[in-house]
């Protein structure tokens, strides 16, 4: 069984019920999630040995976060206990022409204040095949940026493949800071994952004839983006999700995988969104699974895009689907008919 290590922050997610706005809410639903934690849950649901590395407080709320991952079979044995608080984020789900909104309350969280000696990467990576992190983690503190670099160096020493989802968040750091840190970290990355905006925000590489504010994505323009990223860092593969936004409720969803000078595009799905938060992480989980399973490039990108398509139909961040469900959709069964 393949072993994947993911590293990042897990937070408490609080959202009003249904499509209520923040100002309407008298109560909030609580769940737990975070970019790399979401990926670990996807991989565990696909039957892989997925471990999540982080730091959470030793109190009951920190334990709840650990339990949320254990519930789905994620290995939490490398999660360090300490610090004063677990990060929180609030989600207001959009609908029709009203966009979704996220508010962070994560400053001073346990993981943001982590120290280098909290993590024994030599032991953590023992017997592992893959290491995954996102651009969110080094954005949380200078210490975490340095810890990510230590992890990447050790992963390379041990022969692991490394994937990184650029995941630029302008509420966490500036483009200039992201460019400086991610330029250094991407030297170690084998598989780069991004959405339509990340390459522009972090590295200034923009797809031609694309207007994201108008919801128009030019797929062909992203071949050039992937080529430039590959030339810059020597990535083995670049995967980019392609979202054409009709409204907050309806998107056209697909993806591209660039490998060995060739681009592979997934089918396009017209998605009616139940909850889009975690959509990119579900794509990353699907891609890692398919590449570790030996899928060819076309099958790999088809699986990853289908996995993420299904996530948009599921409440909260975790993508609670199995391989059979993803393969069914990737194989063309998109009718949504009742299964009896």
Protein backbone atom coordinates (compact mmCIF):
# COMPACT_ATOMS: atom_id res chain seq x y z
CA UNK A 1 0.00 0.00 0.00
CA UNK A 2 1.39 3.41 -0.98
CA UNK A 3 2.11 5.83 1.87
CA UNK A 4 1.51 9.56 1.53
CA UNK A 5 2.49 12.26 4.02
CA UNK A 6 0.65 15.57 3.98
CA UNK A 7 1.64 18.58 6.09
CA UNK A 8 -0.35 21.65 7.03
CA UNK A 9 -2.98 23.20 9.27
CA UNK A 10 -6.29 21.71 10.31
CA UNK A 11 -8.93 24.20 11.46
CA UNK A 12 -12.44 24.30 12.75
CA UNK A 13 -14.88 25.32 10.02
CA UNK A 14 -17.98 27.22 11.11
CA UNK A 15 -20.79 27.94 8.67
CA UNK A 16 -24.41 29.04 8.92
CA UNK A 17 -26.92 26.36 8.02
CA UNK A 18 -27.88 26.15 4.37
CA UNK A 19 -27.40 29.37 2.46
CA UNK A 20 -27.95 31.82 5.32
CA UNK A 21 -25.66 34.84 5.38
CA UNK A 22 -23.37 35.49 8.34
CA UNK A 23 -25.60 38.34 9.52
CA UNK A 24 -28.61 36.01 9.58
CA UNK A 25 -26.98 33.20 11.55
CA UNK A 26 -28.02 32.38 15.10
CA UNK A 27 -25.98 29.17 15.09
CA UNK A 28 -23.10 27.67 13.16
CA UNK A 29 -22.36 24.12 12.02
CA UNK A 30 -18.90 22.93 13.09
CA UNK A 31 -16.60 20.64 11.11
CA UNK A 32 -12.84 20.32 10.65
CA UNK A 33 -10.73 20.80 7.55
CA UNK A 34 -7.63 22.25 5.96
CA UNK A 35 -5.99 21.94 2.54
CA UNK A 36 -3.59 19.09 3.24
CA UNK A 37 -5.97 17.42 5.71
CA UNK A 38 -8.61 17.33 2.98
CA UNK A 39 -6.14 15.63 0.64
CA UNK A 40 -5.30 13.04 3.30
CA UNK A 41 -8.99 12.19 3.78
CA UNK A 42 -9.46 11.72 0.03
CA UNK A 43 -6.48 9.37 -0.17
CA UNK A 44 -7.58 7.37 2.87
CA UNK A 45 -11.03 6.96 1.30
CA UNK A 46 -9.30 5.61 -1.82
CA UNK A 47 -7.63 2.92 0.29
CA UNK A 48 -4.17 4.44 0.58
CA UNK A 49 -2.05 4.87 3.71
CA UNK A 50 -2.40 8.62 4.25
CA UNK A 51 -0.82 10.41 7.21
CA UNK A 52 -1.39 14.03 8.18
CA UNK A 53 1.31 16.00 9.99
CA UNK A 54 0.42 19.09 11.99
CA UNK A 55 0.35 20.66 15.44
CA UNK A 56 -2.88 21.07 17.41
CA UNK A 57 -3.59 22.09 21.00
CA UNK A 58 -3.62 19.38 23.66
CA UNK A 59 -7.15 20.30 24.77
CA UNK A 60 -10.48 18.80 23.69
CA UNK A 61 -10.94 20.99 20.60
CA UNK A 62 -7.58 19.87 19.29
CA UNK A 63 -8.61 16.28 19.98
CA UNK A 64 -11.83 16.82 18.02
CA UNK A 65 -9.75 17.79 15.01
CA UNK A 66 -7.67 14.64 15.37
CA UNK A 67 -10.82 12.53 15.73
CA UNK A 68 -12.31 14.05 12.56
CA UNK A 69 -9.39 12.64 10.59
CA UNK A 70 -9.26 9.30 12.37
CA UNK A 71 -12.91 8.78 11.50
CA UNK A 72 -11.94 8.42 7.84
CA UNK A 73 -8.82 6.34 8.39
CA UNK A 74 -6.14 9.03 8.27
CA UNK A 75 -2.98 8.23 10.25
CA UNK A 76 -2.69 10.96 12.92
CA UNK A 77 0.31 9.52 14.77
CA UNK A 78 2.58 12.35 13.58
CA UNK A 79 0.29 15.13 14.80
CA UNK A 80 2.11 17.07 17.53
CA UNK A 81 0.19 18.37 20.56
CA UNK A 82 0.84 21.86 21.91
CA UNK A 83 0.10 25.52 21.45
CA UNK A 84 -2.85 27.53 22.68
CA UNK A 85 -5.46 27.52 19.94
CA UNK A 86 -6.84 25.82 16.88
CA UNK A 87 -7.40 28.05 13.86
CA UNK A 88 -10.97 28.81 12.81
CA UNK A 89 -12.52 29.84 9.52
CA UNK A 90 -16.05 30.91 8.75
CA UNK A 91 -17.76 30.00 5.46
CA UNK A 92 -20.79 31.70 3.97
CA UNK A 93 -21.96 29.66 0.98
CA UNK A 94 -22.83 31.71 -2.07
CA UNK A 95 -25.75 31.14 -4.40
CA UNK A 96 -26.72 32.40 -7.83
CA UNK A 97 -24.82 35.67 -8.40
CA UNK A 98 -23.82 36.05 -4.71
CA UNK A 99 -20.30 34.76 -4.15
CA UNK A 100 -19.20 32.52 -1.29
CA UNK A 101 -17.20 34.21 1.45
CA UNK A 102 -14.48 32.99 3.83
CA UNK A 103 -13.32 34.80 6.98
CA UNK A 104 -10.21 33.53 8.77
CA UNK A 105 -9.53 33.57 12.50
CA UNK A 106 -6.27 31.65 12.56
CA UNK A 107 -3.59 34.07 13.79
CA UNK A 108 -1.46 32.56 16.53
CA UNK A 109 -2.68 29.01 15.95
CA UNK A 110 -0.68 26.05 17.23
CA UNK A 111 0.72 25.17 13.80
CA UNK A 112 1.55 28.79 12.96
CA UNK A 113 3.77 28.89 16.06
CA UNK A 114 5.36 25.49 15.45
CA UNK A 115 9.12 25.11 15.79
CA UNK A 116 11.53 23.10 13.66
CA UNK A 117 12.17 20.59 16.45
CA UNK A 118 8.45 19.71 16.59
CA UNK A 119 8.83 17.46 13.55
CA UNK A 120 11.21 14.52 13.03
CA UNK A 121 11.08 14.37 9.23
CA UNK A 122 13.51 11.48 9.08
CA UNK A 123 11.10 9.34 11.10
CA UNK A 124 7.97 10.77 9.50
CA UNK A 125 9.15 9.91 5.98
CA UNK A 126 10.28 6.38 6.84
CA UNK A 127 8.65 4.01 4.33
CA UNK A 128 6.74 6.84 2.63
CA UNK A 129 6.32 7.27 -1.13
CA UNK A 130 4.93 10.81 -1.49
CA UNK A 131 4.95 14.18 0.31
CA UNK A 132 2.29 16.83 -0.26
CA UNK A 133 1.96 20.40 0.99
CA UNK A 134 0.31 23.59 -0.23
CA UNK A 135 1.26 27.25 -0.48
CA UNK A 136 -1.05 27.94 2.44
CA UNK A 137 1.29 26.33 4.97
CA UNK A 138 4.45 28.43 4.41
CA UNK A 139 2.21 31.51 4.30
CA UNK A 140 1.29 31.09 7.96
CA UNK A 141 4.69 32.06 9.42
CA UNK A 142 8.37 32.38 8.58
CA UNK A 143 8.99 29.36 10.80
CA UNK A 144 6.59 27.24 8.76
CA UNK A 145 8.22 28.32 5.51
CA UNK A 146 11.54 27.10 6.92
CA UNK A 147 9.95 23.88 8.20
CA UNK A 148 8.45 23.22 4.75
CA UNK A 149 11.92 23.59 3.23
CA UNK A 150 13.39 21.18 5.77
CA UNK A 151 10.64 18.68 4.94
CA UNK A 152 11.27 19.01 1.21
CA UNK A 153 15.01 18.51 1.61
CA UNK A 154 14.51 15.38 3.72
CA UNK A 155 11.83 14.04 1.35
CA UNK A 156 14.25 14.41 -1.56
CA UNK A 157 17.00 12.65 0.40
CA UNK A 158 14.66 9.72 0.95
CA UNK A 159 13.50 9.56 -2.67
CA UNK A 160 9.88 10.66 -2.17
CA UNK A 161 7.90 12.38 -4.89
CA UNK A 162 6.82 15.86 -3.81
CA UNK A 163 3.64 17.63 -4.85
CA UNK A 164 2.61 21.18 -4.04
CA UNK A 165 -0.67 22.97 -4.63
CA UNK A 166 0.26 26.65 -5.02
CA UNK A 167 -3.01 27.67 -3.34
CA UNK A 168 -2.32 31.42 -3.13
CA UNK A 169 -4.36 33.18 -0.42
CA UNK A 170 -4.18 36.97 -0.48
CA UNK A 171 -5.55 37.14 3.08
CA UNK A 172 -2.43 35.33 4.33
CA UNK A 173 0.44 37.01 2.46
CA UNK A 174 1.37 39.33 -0.39
CA UNK A 175 2.20 38.26 -3.91
CA UNK A 176 5.76 39.43 -3.36
CA UNK A 177 6.18 37.28 -0.24
CA UNK A 178 4.57 34.30 -1.94
CA UNK A 179 6.86 34.64 -4.94
CA UNK A 180 10.00 34.73 -2.79
CA UNK A 181 9.09 31.73 -0.63
CA UNK A 182 7.45 29.56 -3.27
CA UNK A 183 10.29 30.15 -5.75
CA UNK A 184 12.60 28.51 -3.22
CA UNK A 185 10.25 25.66 -2.28
CA UNK A 186 9.27 24.79 -5.84
CA UNK A 187 12.88 23.80 -6.58
CA UNK A 188 12.10 20.56 -4.75
CA UNK A 189 8.64 19.89 -6.25
CA UNK A 190 7.94 17.18 -8.82
CA UNK A 191 4.21 17.75 -9.36
CA UNK A 192 2.84 21.28 -9.29
CA UNK A 193 -0.91 21.78 -8.85
CA UNK A 194 -2.61 25.11 -9.44
CA UNK A 195 -5.92 26.72 -10.28
CA UNK A 196 -6.59 29.32 -12.97
CA UNK A 197 -5.21 32.21 -10.90
CA UNK A 198 -2.32 30.77 -8.88
CA UNK A 199 0.43 30.96 -11.50
CA UNK A 200 -0.39 34.61 -12.14
CA UNK A 201 -0.64 35.54 -8.46
CA UNK A 202 2.54 33.77 -7.36
CA UNK A 203 4.81 33.83 -10.41
CA UNK A 204 3.27 36.43 -12.72
CA UNK A 205 2.53 33.85 -15.42
CA UNK A 206 -0.84 34.56 -17.03
CA UNK A 207 -2.92 32.64 -19.55
CA UNK A 208 -3.82 34.53 -22.71
CA UNK A 209 -7.41 35.37 -23.67
CA UNK A 210 -8.77 34.55 -20.22
CA UNK A 211 -11.08 36.81 -18.21
CA UNK A 212 -11.66 35.17 -14.83
CA UNK A 213 -13.90 37.96 -13.56
CA UNK A 214 -16.20 37.35 -16.52
CA UNK A 215 -16.01 33.59 -15.93
CA UNK A 216 -14.21 32.91 -19.23
CA UNK A 217 -11.30 30.48 -19.31
CA UNK A 218 -9.21 29.83 -22.43
CA UNK A 219 -8.00 26.26 -21.98
CA UNK A 220 -5.29 26.53 -24.61
CA UNK A 221 -3.72 29.46 -22.78
CA UNK A 222 -2.87 27.21 -19.85
CA UNK A 223 -0.60 25.02 -21.97
CA UNK A 224 1.74 28.01 -22.15
CA UNK A 225 1.39 28.56 -18.38
CA UNK A 226 2.37 24.94 -17.72
CA UNK A 227 5.28 25.16 -20.16
CA UNK A 228 6.65 28.27 -18.45
CA UNK A 229 6.29 26.75 -14.98
CA UNK A 230 8.08 23.61 -16.17
CA UNK A 231 10.89 25.64 -17.72
CA UNK A 232 11.22 27.69 -14.52
CA UNK A 233 11.37 24.80 -12.04
CA UNK A 234 11.82 21.55 -13.96
CA UNK A 235 8.53 20.08 -12.77
CA UNK A 236 7.77 16.56 -13.98
CA UNK A 237 4.09 17.42 -14.23
CA UNK A 238 1.87 20.48 -13.92
CA UNK A 239 -1.84 20.11 -13.23
CA UNK A 240 -4.22 23.04 -13.51
CA UNK A 241 -7.92 23.08 -12.67
CA UNK A 242 -10.06 25.04 -15.13
CA UNK A 243 -13.19 26.61 -13.71
CA UNK A 244 -15.53 28.66 -15.90
CA UNK A 245 -17.88 30.39 -13.49
CA UNK A 246 -21.43 30.86 -14.73
CA UNK A 247 -22.55 31.86 -11.24
CA UNK A 248 -21.83 30.89 -7.63
CA UNK A 249 -24.25 28.00 -8.10
CA UNK A 250 -23.19 26.70 -11.51
CA UNK A 251 -19.70 26.23 -12.91
CA UNK A 252 -18.12 24.43 -15.82
CA UNK A 253 -15.32 22.31 -14.37
CA UNK A 254 -12.37 20.57 -15.95
CA UNK A 255 -8.60 20.25 -15.71
CA UNK A 256 -5.35 19.89 -17.61
CA UNK A 257 -2.24 17.81 -16.97
CA UNK A 258 1.02 18.82 -18.66
CA UNK A 259 3.73 16.16 -18.86
CA UNK A 260 6.74 15.62 -21.13
CA UNK A 261 5.77 18.51 -23.37
CA UNK A 262 2.19 17.34 -23.93
CA UNK A 263 -1.10 18.57 -22.50
CA UNK A 264 -3.98 16.29 -21.54
CA UNK A 265 -7.45 17.72 -20.91
CA UNK A 266 -10.20 16.09 -18.88
CA UNK A 267 -13.86 16.12 -19.92
CA UNK A 268 -15.80 19.23 -18.90
CA UNK A 269 -18.54 18.92 -16.30
CA UNK A 270 -21.44 21.30 -15.76
CA UNK A 271 -21.51 21.40 -11.97
CA UNK A 272 -24.41 22.57 -9.80
CA UNK A 273 -22.63 23.43 -6.56
CA UNK A 274 -23.66 22.28 -3.11
CA UNK A 275 -20.34 23.30 -1.48
CA UNK A 276 -17.24 24.27 -3.44
CA UNK A 277 -14.82 24.72 -0.54
CA UNK A 278 -12.26 21.93 -0.74
CA UNK A 279 -12.78 21.44 -4.47
CA UNK A 280 -9.11 22.01 -5.29
CA UNK A 281 -7.96 19.70 -2.51
CA UNK A 282 -10.20 16.92 -3.82
CA UNK A 283 -8.55 17.39 -7.21
CA UNK A 284 -5.10 17.09 -5.62
CA UNK A 285 -6.11 13.94 -3.77
CA UNK A 286 -7.45 12.40 -6.95
CA UNK A 287 -4.32 13.29 -8.90
CA UNK A 288 -1.94 11.86 -6.29
CA UNK A 289 -3.97 8.65 -6.10
CA UNK A 290 -4.04 8.19 -9.86
CA UNK A 291 -0.33 8.87 -10.34
CA UNK A 292 0.65 6.54 -7.49
CA UNK A 293 -1.67 3.91 -8.99
CA UNK A 294 0.24 4.01 -12.27
CA UNK A 295 -2.49 5.61 -14.40
CA UNK A 296 -1.38 7.11 -17.68
CA UNK A 297 -1.66 10.88 -18.02
CA UNK A 298 -5.10 10.94 -19.66
CA UNK A 299 -6.63 8.54 -17.17
CA UNK A 300 -4.97 10.40 -14.29
CA UNK A 301 -6.40 13.80 -15.20
CA UNK A 302 -9.80 12.29 -15.92
CA UNK A 303 -9.85 10.68 -12.47
CA UNK A 304 -8.71 13.85 -10.67
CA UNK A 305 -11.26 16.07 -12.43
CA UNK A 306 -14.08 13.60 -11.78
CA UNK A 307 -13.13 13.35 -8.11
CA UNK A 308 -13.31 17.10 -7.75
CA UNK A 309 -16.55 17.30 -9.70
CA UNK A 310 -18.14 14.95 -7.16
CA UNK A 311 -16.80 16.97 -4.23
CA UNK A 312 -18.84 19.98 -5.35
CA UNK A 313 -21.95 17.95 -4.47
CA UNK A 314 -20.87 17.26 -0.86
CA UNK A 315 -21.33 19.48 2.18
CA UNK A 316 -18.21 20.63 4.05
CA UNK A 317 -14.59 20.20 2.95
CA UNK A 318 -13.92 16.47 2.88
CA UNK A 319 -14.47 14.58 -0.37
CA UNK A 320 -16.35 11.50 0.86
CA UNK A 321 -16.30 9.37 -2.27
CA UNK A 322 -14.70 6.04 -3.16
CA UNK A 323 -12.65 4.97 -6.17
CA UNK A 324 -15.61 3.18 -7.77
CA UNK A 325 -17.75 6.32 -7.70
CA UNK A 326 -15.00 8.43 -9.24
CA UNK A 327 -14.22 5.87 -11.92
CA UNK A 328 -17.90 5.65 -12.80
CA UNK A 329 -18.10 9.37 -13.44
CA UNK A 330 -14.75 9.46 -15.23
CA UNK A 331 -16.05 6.64 -17.44
CA UNK A 332 -19.00 8.73 -18.57
CA UNK A 333 -21.76 7.92 -16.06
CA UNK A 334 -22.78 11.49 -15.26
CA UNK A 335 -26.56 11.05 -15.16
CA UNK A 336 -26.88 11.09 -11.38
CA UNK A 337 -29.58 8.43 -11.53
CA UNK A 338 -30.61 6.70 -8.31
CA UNK A 339 -28.48 3.64 -7.53
CA UNK A 340 -30.60 0.72 -6.28
